[in-house]
Amino acid sequence: MCLYIDAEEPELGDLREPANYKAALLDTESEKWLNAINVEMQSMKDN
């Protein structure tokens, strides 16, 4: 049995994410990006 569902994939290009670390630091929301980076790094260390 084969099921096929025609669903649209989300447009990842619609997200306004900096392309790299330098771009994150230059972004108007750099404080939020730095916090997100630090949370992610801590999560990787913990796991």
Foldseek 3Di string as FASTA:
>chain_A
DDDDDDDDDDDPVVDPDQPDLVSLCVDPVVVVVVVVVVVVVVVVVVD
